[in-house]
Amino acid sequence: MKLRRSRRRPLRRYKPVTLRSKLKQERRKKLGKLALYGIAAGFIVLAGWRAWKAANQFLFNSECFRIRVIDIRGTKNVAQSEILALLPFREGDNIFKPLLSETEGNIRQCKPELKDISIRRGWKKIVVDLEERQPVACLMLDGQRLGIDDDNKPFPLRGKLVKEELPEIVNKNDAERKEILEFIRMFAPEAKALYPQVARFGMESVNDIVFEFKDGAKVFWGPPEKNKLKAKLRRLNQVMEDARSRFATYEYINLCYFDDGRVIVKPGTPVAATKPQPSANLPLPSAKKDTL
């Protein structure tokens, strides 16, 4: 009996895969993806740049975006021609070229009489909104009469404000001027009949308010205390009325001792014996006094 020899099946050979080859394959895949992403990003950037360039040319060269009107609003004492001369653009220029915030800052520096300025774009126009400072008093600085507003900002008076009667602030120090302006802000609404008669305001070294009327009479008010304003003002009106009935003139009324219940009045001297004094010198006199 013959035995058949079994055939050997060839063994299937497998390629050995190492960890290093796997890492190489993953790196190649990542590099391929990065290359594709980079090419796509480059195309997007190039397309965006061309679109931006086309839009830029359209916005800055098209006739649709030309300035047809420059509308200046809010002028009272400042002439429109002065503001127009300070603007770095004219009718017919492109509406997007002007730097509006920079223009606002430059005009504020050139025109301190402007409290605020706003420049904005409209359809084929530029709108300039102005807010002028309103003086509550004046001061002399280097021989020039300047206005001063509630913000303690000196500025040149323009237009009708040049001839307007304003009380003068004689103190040059900023902190003292600020205190005086705060007092004026409280005093003016309460003393509607008395305030127009005041020629100048000052402040003593002890933080006491002094003001002088147009006839030369002075009032030493004392500290600017808001809670005592109405009571002091009522007492001042009574003393002024009584002083006019008793004296031909009076030099000053001192309210510094108001808390002690005393008001000091110094009667005036005859006109022939009166010596003129500088308006800015407001010392507390120490002459003979009559107490009311």
Protein backbone atom coordinates (compact mmCIF):
# COMPACT_ATOMS: atom_id res chain seq x y z
CA MET A 1 0.00 0.00 0.00
CA LYS A 2 1.45 3.26 -1.12
CA LEU A 3 1.28 6.24 1.11
CA ARG A 4 0.66 9.59 -0.48
CA ARG A 5 2.92 12.33 0.51
CA SER A 6 1.00 15.33 1.73
CA ARG A 7 1.67 18.57 -0.06
CA ARG A 8 3.03 21.36 1.97
CA ARG A 9 1.22 24.56 1.61
CA PRO A 10 3.53 27.53 1.28
CA LEU A 11 3.51 29.79 4.28
CA ARG A 12 2.11 33.29 3.62
CA ARG A 13 4.70 35.83 4.40
CA TYR A 14 3.67 39.05 6.14
CA LYS A 15 5.67 42.24 5.98
CA PRO A 16 6.75 43.17 9.46
CA VAL A 17 5.34 46.53 10.59
CA THR A 18 7.41 48.40 13.10
CA LEU A 19 6.48 51.36 15.31
CA ARG A 20 8.88 53.59 13.41
CA SER A 21 7.14 52.97 10.08
CA LYS A 22 3.76 53.74 11.63
CA LEU A 23 5.05 57.08 12.90
CA LYS A 24 6.42 57.91 9.46
CA GLN A 25 3.07 57.19 7.84
CA GLU A 26 1.23 59.38 10.34
CA ARG A 27 3.70 62.21 9.78
CA ARG A 28 3.23 62.00 6.04
CA LYS A 29 -0.53 62.20 6.45
CA LYS A 30 -0.25 65.21 8.76
CA LEU A 31 2.15 66.98 6.42
CA GLY A 32 -0.18 66.32 3.51
CA LYS A 33 -3.13 67.77 5.41
CA LEU A 34 -1.11 70.81 6.47
CA ALA A 35 -0.03 71.38 2.88
CA LEU A 36 -3.65 71.22 1.70
CA TYR A 37 -4.78 73.58 4.46
CA GLY A 38 -1.95 75.99 3.63
CA ILE A 39 -2.83 76.02 -0.05
CA ALA A 40 -6.52 76.58 0.76
CA ALA A 41 -5.67 79.38 3.19
CA GLY A 42 -3.42 80.99 0.61
CA PHE A 43 -6.21 80.96 -1.96
CA ILE A 44 -8.63 82.44 0.59
CA VAL A 45 -6.19 85.22 1.56
CA LEU A 46 -5.46 86.01 -2.07
CA ALA A 47 -9.16 86.13 -2.91
CA GLY A 48 -9.87 88.30 0.14
CA TRP A 49 -7.06 90.70 -0.71
CA ARG A 50 -8.31 91.07 -4.27
CA ALA A 51 -11.87 91.61 -3.00
CA TRP A 52 -10.67 94.20 -0.48
CA LYS A 53 -8.64 95.98 -3.15
CA ALA A 54 -11.62 96.08 -5.49
CA ALA A 55 -13.92 97.34 -2.70
CA ASN A 56 -11.32 99.92 -1.67
CA GLN A 57 -11.04 101.24 -5.20
CA PHE A 58 -14.81 101.40 -5.45
CA LEU A 59 -15.26 103.23 -2.13
CA PHE A 60 -12.49 105.77 -2.68
CA ASN A 61 -12.90 106.39 -6.40
CA SER A 62 -16.62 106.10 -6.99
CA GLU A 63 -18.66 109.25 -7.52
CA CYS A 64 -21.30 107.83 -5.18
CA PHE A 65 -19.13 108.64 -2.16
CA ARG A 66 -18.22 112.26 -2.85
CA ILE A 67 -18.97 114.98 -0.28
CA ARG A 68 -21.76 117.15 -1.63
CA VAL A 69 -22.65 119.11 1.52
CA ILE A 70 -20.76 120.10 4.69
CA ASP A 71 -23.44 120.86 7.31
CA ILE A 72 -22.17 122.87 10.32
CA ARG A 73 -24.69 123.08 13.18
CA GLY A 74 -24.79 124.78 16.57
CA THR A 75 -22.87 127.97 15.74
CA LYS A 76 -23.88 131.00 17.81
CA ASN A 77 -20.85 133.19 18.37
CA VAL A 78 -18.36 131.24 16.26
CA ALA A 79 -18.67 131.81 12.51
CA GLN A 80 -19.24 128.82 10.24
CA SER A 81 -16.48 130.06 7.96
CA GLU A 82 -13.96 129.68 10.82
CA ILE A 83 -14.91 126.04 11.36
CA LEU A 84 -14.96 125.35 7.62
CA ALA A 85 -11.43 126.74 7.29
CA LEU A 86 -10.19 124.27 9.94
CA LEU A 87 -11.67 121.21 8.23
CA PRO A 88 -9.13 119.18 6.20
CA PHE A 89 -11.72 118.29 3.54
CA ARG A 90 -13.90 120.15 1.08
CA GLU A 91 -16.95 119.48 -1.03
CA GLY A 92 -16.07 117.04 -3.79
CA ASP A 93 -13.58 115.07 -1.69
CA ASN A 94 -14.08 111.42 -0.90
CA ILE A 95 -16.24 110.93 2.18
CA PHE A 96 -14.13 108.08 3.63
CA LYS A 97 -10.72 109.74 3.46
CA PRO A 98 -11.04 112.22 6.39
CA LEU A 99 -10.00 110.97 9.84
CA LEU A 100 -12.91 112.38 11.83
CA SER A 101 -11.64 111.72 15.37
CA GLU A 102 -8.29 113.33 14.58
CA THR A 103 -10.06 116.33 13.04
CA GLU A 104 -12.20 116.75 16.17
CA GLY A 105 -9.10 116.81 18.40
CA ASN A 106 -7.33 119.37 16.22
CA ILE A 107 -10.33 121.73 16.21
CA ARG A 108 -10.69 121.46 20.01
CA GLN A 109 -7.10 122.63 20.39
CA CYS A 110 -7.57 125.52 17.97
CA LYS A 111 -10.95 126.61 19.36
CA PRO A 112 -11.06 126.53 23.19
CA GLU A 113 -14.41 128.35 23.02
CA LEU A 114 -15.96 125.07 21.83
CA LYS A 115 -17.08 122.80 24.65
CA ASP A 116 -17.69 119.84 22.37
CA ILE A 117 -17.53 118.98 18.67
CA SER A 118 -18.84 115.92 16.87
CA ILE A 119 -18.19 115.13 13.20
CA ARG A 120 -20.08 112.31 11.50
CA ARG A 121 -20.73 111.03 8.01
CA GLY A 122 -24.09 111.09 6.29
CA TRP A 123 -25.23 110.19 2.81
CA LYS A 124 -23.00 112.32 0.59
CA LYS A 125 -22.49 114.84 3.41
CA ILE A 126 -20.47 115.56 6.54
CA VAL A 127 -22.34 116.84 9.61
CA VAL A 128 -20.42 118.95 12.18
CA ASP A 129 -22.26 119.46 15.50
CA LEU A 130 -20.87 122.17 17.79
CA GLU A 131 -21.51 123.06 21.42
CA GLU A 132 -20.11 126.43 22.45
CA ARG A 133 -19.01 127.30 25.97
CA GLN A 134 -21.29 129.67 27.88
CA PRO A 135 -19.43 132.07 30.19
CA VAL A 136 -20.60 132.53 33.77
CA ALA A 137 -17.84 135.03 34.57
CA CYS A 138 -14.74 136.62 33.09
CA LEU A 139 -11.11 137.08 34.10
CA MET A 140 -8.17 139.18 32.97
CA LEU A 141 -5.24 137.11 31.75
CA ASP A 142 -2.16 138.82 30.28
CA GLY A 143 -4.20 141.95 29.69
CA GLN A 144 -6.90 140.07 27.76
CA ARG A 145 -10.50 139.66 28.92
CA LEU A 146 -11.45 135.99 28.74
CA GLY A 147 -14.64 134.16 29.54
CA ILE A 148 -14.79 131.21 31.92
CA ASP A 149 -17.48 128.54 32.14
CA ASP A 150 -18.61 126.03 34.77
CA ASP A 151 -15.77 123.69 33.80
CA ASN A 152 -13.18 126.32 34.87
CA LYS A 153 -11.96 126.64 31.27
CA PRO A 154 -10.86 130.12 30.15
CA PHE A 155 -11.65 130.91 26.52
CA PRO A 156 -11.78 133.99 24.26
CA LEU A 157 -15.13 135.75 24.05
CA ARG A 158 -16.64 135.90 20.58
CA GLY A 159 -19.57 137.63 18.93
CA LYS A 160 -22.22 139.01 21.27
CA LEU A 161 -20.36 137.72 24.32
CA VAL A 162 -17.68 140.41 23.89
CA LYS A 163 -20.08 143.13 25.08
CA GLU A 164 -21.91 141.01 27.63
CA GLU A 165 -21.62 142.16 31.25
CA LEU A 166 -20.01 139.39 33.26
CA PRO A 167 -18.73 139.40 36.85
CA GLU A 168 -14.96 139.26 37.05
CA ILE A 169 -13.07 136.59 39.00
CA VAL A 170 -9.95 138.23 40.41
CA ASN A 171 -8.18 135.07 41.63
CA LYS A 172 -5.72 133.52 39.17
CA ASN A 173 -5.26 130.19 40.99
CA ASP A 174 -7.17 127.29 39.39
CA ALA A 175 -8.28 125.75 42.69
CA GLU A 176 -9.56 129.09 44.01
CA ARG A 177 -11.34 129.80 40.74
CA LYS A 178 -13.03 126.43 40.98
CA GLU A 179 -14.32 127.24 44.48
CA ILE A 180 -15.61 130.61 43.29
CA LEU A 181 -17.36 129.05 40.31
CA GLU A 182 -19.07 126.54 42.59
CA PHE A 183 -20.24 129.42 44.77
CA ILE A 184 -21.54 131.32 41.72
CA ARG A 185 -23.41 128.19 40.63
CA MET A 186 -25.19 128.14 44.01
CA PHE A 187 -25.50 131.90 44.47
CA ALA A 188 -26.81 133.05 41.06
CA PRO A 189 -30.13 131.12 41.02
CA GLU A 190 -31.00 132.22 44.57
CA ALA A 191 -29.92 135.86 44.24
CA LYS A 192 -31.63 136.71 40.96
CA ALA A 193 -32.05 140.40 41.84
CA LEU A 194 -28.67 140.77 43.57
CA TYR A 195 -26.43 138.79 41.22
CA PRO A 196 -26.59 141.23 38.25
CA GLN A 197 -25.27 143.99 40.56
CA VAL A 198 -22.06 142.06 41.36
CA ALA A 199 -18.98 143.38 39.54
CA ARG A 200 -16.36 140.88 40.73
CA PHE A 201 -15.79 137.84 42.93
CA GLY A 202 -12.70 136.96 44.94
CA MET A 203 -11.48 134.63 47.67
CA GLU A 204 -9.48 135.34 50.81
CA SER A 205 -6.60 133.14 51.96
CA VAL A 206 -8.84 131.57 54.60
CA ASN A 207 -11.23 130.25 51.93
CA ASP A 208 -13.71 133.08 52.41
CA ILE A 209 -15.74 134.42 49.48
CA VAL A 210 -15.68 138.17 48.83
CA PHE A 211 -17.68 139.95 46.16
CA GLU A 212 -17.94 143.59 45.17
CA PHE A 213 -20.93 145.44 43.76
CA LYS A 214 -20.75 147.82 40.83
CA ASP A 215 -21.06 150.80 43.20
CA GLY A 216 -17.88 149.72 45.04
CA ALA A 217 -19.49 148.22 48.16
CA LYS A 218 -18.07 144.85 49.19
CA VAL A 219 -19.57 141.83 50.91
CA PHE A 220 -17.38 139.47 52.93
CA TRP A 221 -19.51 136.36 52.62
CA GLY A 222 -17.36 133.86 54.45
CA PRO A 223 -17.09 130.14 53.64
CA PRO A 224 -19.23 128.98 50.70
CA GLU A 225 -21.57 126.75 52.70
CA LYS A 226 -24.58 125.61 50.71
CA ASN A 227 -26.75 124.81 53.74
CA LYS A 228 -26.47 128.42 54.96
CA LEU A 229 -26.86 130.13 51.59
CA LYS A 230 -30.54 131.06 51.80
CA ALA A 231 -30.33 132.24 55.41
CA LYS A 232 -27.25 134.37 54.69
CA LEU A 233 -28.80 135.83 51.57
CA ARG A 234 -32.00 136.72 53.40
CA ARG A 235 -29.97 138.39 56.17
CA LEU A 236 -27.83 140.24 53.61
CA ASN A 237 -30.88 141.75 51.93
CA GLN A 238 -32.20 142.91 55.30
CA VAL A 239 -28.87 144.47 56.28
CA MET A 240 -28.46 146.21 52.91
CA GLU A 241 -31.92 147.73 53.15
CA ASP A 242 -31.27 148.90 56.73
CA ALA A 243 -27.80 150.25 55.83
CA ARG A 244 -29.21 152.33 52.97
CA SER A 245 -31.74 153.87 55.34
CA ARG A 246 -29.09 154.73 57.96
CA PHE A 247 -26.03 155.65 55.88
CA ALA A 248 -25.52 157.54 52.67
CA THR A 249 -23.06 154.86 51.55
CA TYR A 250 -21.32 151.87 53.07
CA GLU A 251 -17.93 150.35 52.29
CA TYR A 252 -18.58 146.74 53.16
CA ILE A 253 -20.82 144.24 54.90
CA ASN A 254 -19.10 141.42 56.78
CA LEU A 255 -21.05 138.16 57.12
CA CYS A 256 -18.10 136.14 58.43
CA TYR A 257 -19.59 136.22 61.96
CA PHE A 258 -23.02 135.07 60.81
CA ASP A 259 -22.90 131.95 63.02
CA ASP A 260 -22.40 134.19 66.07
CA GLY A 261 -25.46 136.26 65.14
CA ARG A 262 -23.42 139.33 64.14
CA VAL A 263 -23.20 141.25 60.88
CA ILE A 264 -20.64 144.07 60.61
CA VAL A 265 -21.24 147.12 58.43
CA LYS A 266 -18.71 149.86 57.78
CA PRO A 267 -20.30 153.16 56.73
CA GLY A 268 -18.86 154.87 53.69
CA THR A 269 -16.68 157.98 53.73
CA PRO A 270 -17.55 161.19 51.88
CA VAL A 271 -16.87 161.11 48.16
CA ALA A 272 -14.18 163.81 48.38
CA ALA A 273 -12.16 161.76 50.88
CA THR A 274 -12.51 158.46 49.09
CA LYS A 275 -9.33 157.09 47.54
CA PRO A 276 -9.69 154.70 44.62
CA GLN A 277 -8.41 151.17 45.21
CA PRO A 278 -7.49 148.47 42.70
CA SER A 279 -10.44 146.21 41.88
CA ALA A 280 -8.39 143.04 42.37
CA ASN A 281 -7.31 143.99 45.92
CA LEU A 282 -10.01 142.75 48.26
CA PRO A 283 -8.45 142.78 51.77
CA LEU A 284 -10.57 142.50 54.87
CA PRO A 285 -10.50 146.11 56.21
CA SER A 286 -9.86 146.81 59.86
CA ALA A 287 -11.38 150.28 60.12
CA LYS A 288 -14.07 151.47 62.52
CA LYS A 289 -17.17 149.33 62.21
CA ASP A 290 -20.83 149.68 63.08
CA THR A 291 -22.52 146.46 64.14
CA LEU A 292 -26.13 145.76 63.26
